[in-house]
Amino acid sequence: MGLRENAKSLDELKRNIYSWILPLIVLTLFLNTILQKESMTTLSGIVNISLIVWFAISWVMVQAKWSFRFTDLQFNPY
């Protein structure tokens, strides 16, 4: 197997991992927002909603195989 095939298989592995992890992150953020609604400050509410939207968009992009490099950078900026 050449280097190009290894890179493609690594991208598919990352895509599969992200497609399982991102919905769990969105679900936990959503549940956190609902369950701690009374004790949540305005800033933490804004952060939670922003993260839900960001990870949901990233999950859709991973599923559609759009711009995988962009969604990969959010987890590994270096």
N, C-alpha and C. Protein backbone atom coordinates (compact mmCIF):
# COMPACT_ATOMS: atom_id res chain seq x y z
N MET A 1 0.83 -1.18 0.00
CA MET A 1 0.00 0.00 0.00
C MET A 1 0.87 1.24 0.00
N GLY A 2 0.49 2.19 -0.83
CA GLY A 2 1.25 3.41 -0.93
C GLY A 2 0.83 4.43 0.12
N LEU A 3 1.56 5.52 0.10
CA LEU A 3 1.30 6.59 1.06
C LEU A 3 -0.08 7.20 0.86
N ARG A 4 -0.49 7.33 -0.39
CA ARG A 4 -1.79 7.93 -0.68
C ARG A 4 -2.95 7.06 -0.17
N GLU A 5 -2.82 5.74 -0.30
CA GLU A 5 -3.86 4.84 0.20
C GLU A 5 -3.91 4.86 1.73
N ASN A 6 -2.73 4.97 2.37
CA ASN A 6 -2.70 5.06 3.83
C ASN A 6 -3.39 6.33 4.32
N ALA A 7 -3.16 7.43 3.62
CA ALA A 7 -3.78 8.70 4.01
C ALA A 7 -5.29 8.62 3.84
N LYS A 8 -5.76 7.98 2.77
CA LYS A 8 -7.20 7.84 2.56
C LYS A 8 -7.82 6.96 3.64
N SER A 9 -7.14 5.87 4.00
CA SER A 9 -7.70 5.00 5.03
C SER A 9 -7.68 5.69 6.40
N LEU A 10 -6.67 6.52 6.66
CA LEU A 10 -6.63 7.28 7.91
C LEU A 10 -7.76 8.30 7.94
N ASP A 11 -8.03 8.97 6.82
CA ASP A 11 -9.15 9.91 6.76
C ASP A 11 -10.48 9.21 6.98
N GLU A 12 -10.64 8.03 6.43
CA GLU A 12 -11.88 7.27 6.64
C GLU A 12 -12.02 6.84 8.09
N LEU A 13 -10.92 6.45 8.73
CA LEU A 13 -10.95 6.08 10.13
C LEU A 13 -11.36 7.28 10.99
N LYS A 14 -10.76 8.44 10.73
CA LYS A 14 -11.12 9.65 11.48
C LYS A 14 -12.58 10.02 11.23
N ARG A 15 -13.03 9.88 10.00
CA ARG A 15 -14.41 10.20 9.66
C ARG A 15 -15.38 9.29 10.42
N ASN A 16 -15.02 8.00 10.51
CA ASN A 16 -15.88 7.07 11.25
C ASN A 16 -15.90 7.39 12.74
N ILE A 17 -14.75 7.73 13.31
CA ILE A 17 -14.70 8.08 14.73
C ILE A 17 -15.49 9.35 14.99
N TYR A 18 -15.30 10.37 14.17
CA TYR A 18 -16.03 11.62 14.35
C TYR A 18 -17.53 11.43 14.17
N SER A 19 -17.94 10.54 13.26
CA SER A 19 -19.37 10.33 13.05
C SER A 19 -20.03 9.65 14.24
N TRP A 20 -19.27 8.99 15.09
CA TRP A 20 -19.82 8.42 16.33
C TRP A 20 -19.70 9.39 17.50
N ILE A 21 -18.62 10.14 17.57
CA ILE A 21 -18.36 10.99 18.72
C ILE A 21 -19.16 12.29 18.68
N LEU A 22 -19.25 12.93 17.52
CA LEU A 22 -19.93 14.23 17.43
C LEU A 22 -21.39 14.19 17.86
N PRO A 23 -22.19 13.19 17.49
CA PRO A 23 -23.58 13.17 18.00
C PRO A 23 -23.64 13.01 19.52
N LEU A 24 -22.71 12.27 20.09
CA LEU A 24 -22.68 12.14 21.55
C LEU A 24 -22.35 13.46 22.23
N ILE A 25 -21.43 14.21 21.65
CA ILE A 25 -21.09 15.52 22.20
C ILE A 25 -22.28 16.46 22.11
N VAL A 26 -22.97 16.47 20.97
CA VAL A 26 -24.15 17.32 20.80
C VAL A 26 -25.24 16.93 21.79
N LEU A 27 -25.45 15.62 21.96
CA LEU A 27 -26.47 15.16 22.89
C LEU A 27 -26.14 15.57 24.33
N THR A 28 -24.90 15.41 24.75
CA THR A 28 -24.54 15.76 26.12
C THR A 28 -24.63 17.28 26.35
N LEU A 29 -24.24 18.08 25.36
CA LEU A 29 -24.40 19.52 25.50
C LEU A 29 -25.87 19.93 25.57
N PHE A 30 -26.69 19.27 24.76
CA PHE A 30 -28.12 19.56 24.78
C PHE A 30 -28.73 19.19 26.12
N LEU A 31 -28.40 18.01 26.64
CA LEU A 31 -28.91 17.60 27.94
C LEU A 31 -28.40 18.51 29.05
N ASN A 32 -27.15 18.93 28.97
CA ASN A 32 -26.60 19.86 29.94
C ASN A 32 -27.36 21.18 29.93
N THR A 33 -27.70 21.66 28.76
CA THR A 33 -28.44 22.91 28.63
C THR A 33 -29.84 22.77 29.24
N ILE A 34 -30.48 21.65 29.00
CA ILE A 34 -31.84 21.46 29.52
C ILE A 34 -31.83 21.23 31.03
N LEU A 35 -30.94 20.37 31.51
CA LEU A 35 -30.98 19.98 32.92
C LEU A 35 -30.47 21.08 33.86
N GLN A 36 -29.60 21.95 33.38
CA GLN A 36 -29.06 23.00 34.23
C GLN A 36 -29.58 24.37 33.83
N LYS A 37 -30.78 24.40 33.30
CA LYS A 37 -31.34 25.65 32.81
C LYS A 37 -31.52 26.69 33.92
N GLU A 38 -31.92 26.26 35.12
CA GLU A 38 -32.17 27.20 36.21
C GLU A 38 -30.88 27.82 36.74
N SER A 39 -29.82 27.04 36.81
CA SER A 39 -28.58 27.55 37.39
C SER A 39 -27.59 28.06 36.34
N MET A 40 -28.00 28.11 35.09
CA MET A 40 -27.11 28.51 34.02
C MET A 40 -27.07 30.02 33.86
N THR A 41 -25.87 30.57 33.73
CA THR A 41 -25.74 31.99 33.48
C THR A 41 -25.93 32.27 31.99
N THR A 42 -26.03 33.52 31.65
CA THR A 42 -26.22 33.90 30.25
C THR A 42 -25.02 33.47 29.41
N LEU A 43 -23.82 33.67 29.93
CA LEU A 43 -22.62 33.33 29.18
C LEU A 43 -22.53 31.83 28.94
N SER A 44 -22.79 31.02 29.94
CA SER A 44 -22.69 29.58 29.76
C SER A 44 -23.78 29.07 28.82
N GLY A 45 -24.95 29.71 28.83
CA GLY A 45 -26.00 29.35 27.88
C GLY A 45 -25.60 29.65 26.45
N ILE A 46 -24.98 30.80 26.25
CA ILE A 46 -24.52 31.18 24.91
C ILE A 46 -23.42 30.23 24.45
N VAL A 47 -22.52 29.88 25.34
CA VAL A 47 -21.43 28.97 24.99
C VAL A 47 -22.00 27.59 24.64
N ASN A 48 -22.93 27.09 25.45
CA ASN A 48 -23.53 25.78 25.18
C ASN A 48 -24.24 25.75 23.83
N ILE A 49 -25.05 26.76 23.56
CA ILE A 49 -25.78 26.82 22.28
C ILE A 49 -24.81 26.94 21.11
N SER A 50 -23.77 27.75 21.27
CA SER A 50 -22.77 27.90 20.20
C SER A 50 -22.07 26.58 19.92
N LEU A 51 -21.71 25.86 20.97
CA LEU A 51 -21.04 24.57 20.79
C LEU A 51 -21.97 23.54 20.17
N ILE A 52 -23.24 23.55 20.55
CA ILE A 52 -24.20 22.63 19.94
C ILE A 52 -24.29 22.89 18.44
N VAL A 53 -24.41 24.15 18.07
CA VAL A 53 -24.51 24.49 16.64
C VAL A 53 -23.22 24.12 15.92
N TRP A 54 -22.07 24.43 16.51
CA TRP A 54 -20.78 24.15 15.87
C TRP A 54 -20.59 22.65 15.64
N PHE A 55 -20.84 21.85 16.67
CA PHE A 55 -20.64 20.41 16.53
C PHE A 55 -21.69 19.77 15.64
N ALA A 56 -22.91 20.30 15.64
CA ALA A 56 -23.94 19.77 14.74
C ALA A 56 -23.58 20.04 13.28
N ILE A 57 -23.11 21.23 13.00
CA ILE A 57 -22.67 21.56 11.63
C ILE A 57 -21.48 20.69 11.24
N SER A 58 -20.56 20.50 12.17
CA SER A 58 -19.40 19.66 11.88
C SER A 58 -19.81 18.23 11.61
N TRP A 59 -20.80 17.73 12.36
CA TRP A 59 -21.27 16.37 12.15
C TRP A 59 -21.90 16.22 10.77
N VAL A 60 -22.69 17.21 10.36
CA VAL A 60 -23.29 17.18 9.02
C VAL A 60 -22.20 17.22 7.95
N MET A 61 -21.18 18.03 8.17
CA MET A 61 -20.09 18.11 7.19
C MET A 61 -19.30 16.80 7.11
N VAL A 62 -19.11 16.14 8.24
CA VAL A 62 -18.42 14.85 8.24
C VAL A 62 -19.26 13.80 7.52
N GLN A 63 -20.56 13.78 7.80
CA GLN A 63 -21.43 12.80 7.15
C GLN A 63 -21.51 13.01 5.64
N ALA A 64 -21.51 14.26 5.21
CA ALA A 64 -21.60 14.56 3.78
C ALA A 64 -20.23 14.57 3.11
N LYS A 65 -19.16 14.37 3.89
CA LYS A 65 -17.78 14.38 3.41
C LYS A 65 -17.43 15.72 2.76
N TRP A 66 -17.98 16.80 3.32
CA TRP A 66 -17.66 18.14 2.88
C TRP A 66 -16.54 18.68 3.73
N SER A 67 -15.58 19.21 3.13
CA SER A 67 -14.55 19.98 3.81
C SER A 67 -14.10 19.32 5.11
N PHE A 68 -13.68 18.07 5.00
CA PHE A 68 -13.29 17.32 6.19
C PHE A 68 -12.09 17.96 6.87
N ARG A 69 -11.22 18.58 6.12
CA ARG A 69 -10.06 19.24 6.71
C ARG A 69 -10.49 20.35 7.67
N PHE A 70 -11.55 21.09 7.33
CA PHE A 70 -12.06 22.15 8.21
C PHE A 70 -12.56 21.59 9.53
N THR A 71 -13.32 20.50 9.49
CA THR A 71 -13.83 19.93 10.72
C THR A 71 -12.73 19.24 11.50
N ASP A 72 -11.70 18.75 10.82
CA ASP A 72 -10.59 18.10 11.49
C ASP A 72 -9.76 19.14 12.26
N LEU A 73 -9.69 20.35 11.75
CA LEU A 73 -8.89 21.39 12.42
C LEU A 73 -9.48 21.81 13.76
N GLN A 74 -10.78 21.66 13.95
CA GLN A 74 -11.36 22.06 15.22
C GLN A 74 -10.90 21.15 16.35
N PHE A 75 -10.52 19.92 16.05
CA PHE A 75 -10.07 19.00 17.08
C PHE A 75 -8.55 19.01 17.23
N ASN A 76 -7.83 19.30 16.16
CA ASN A 76 -6.38 19.26 16.18
C ASN A 76 -5.83 20.51 15.48
N PRO A 77 -5.67 21.62 16.20
CA PRO A 77 -5.28 22.87 15.53
C PRO A 77 -3.83 22.92 15.10
N TYR A 78 -3.01 21.96 15.47
CA TYR A 78 -1.58 22.04 15.13
C TYR A 78 -1.20 21.19 13.99
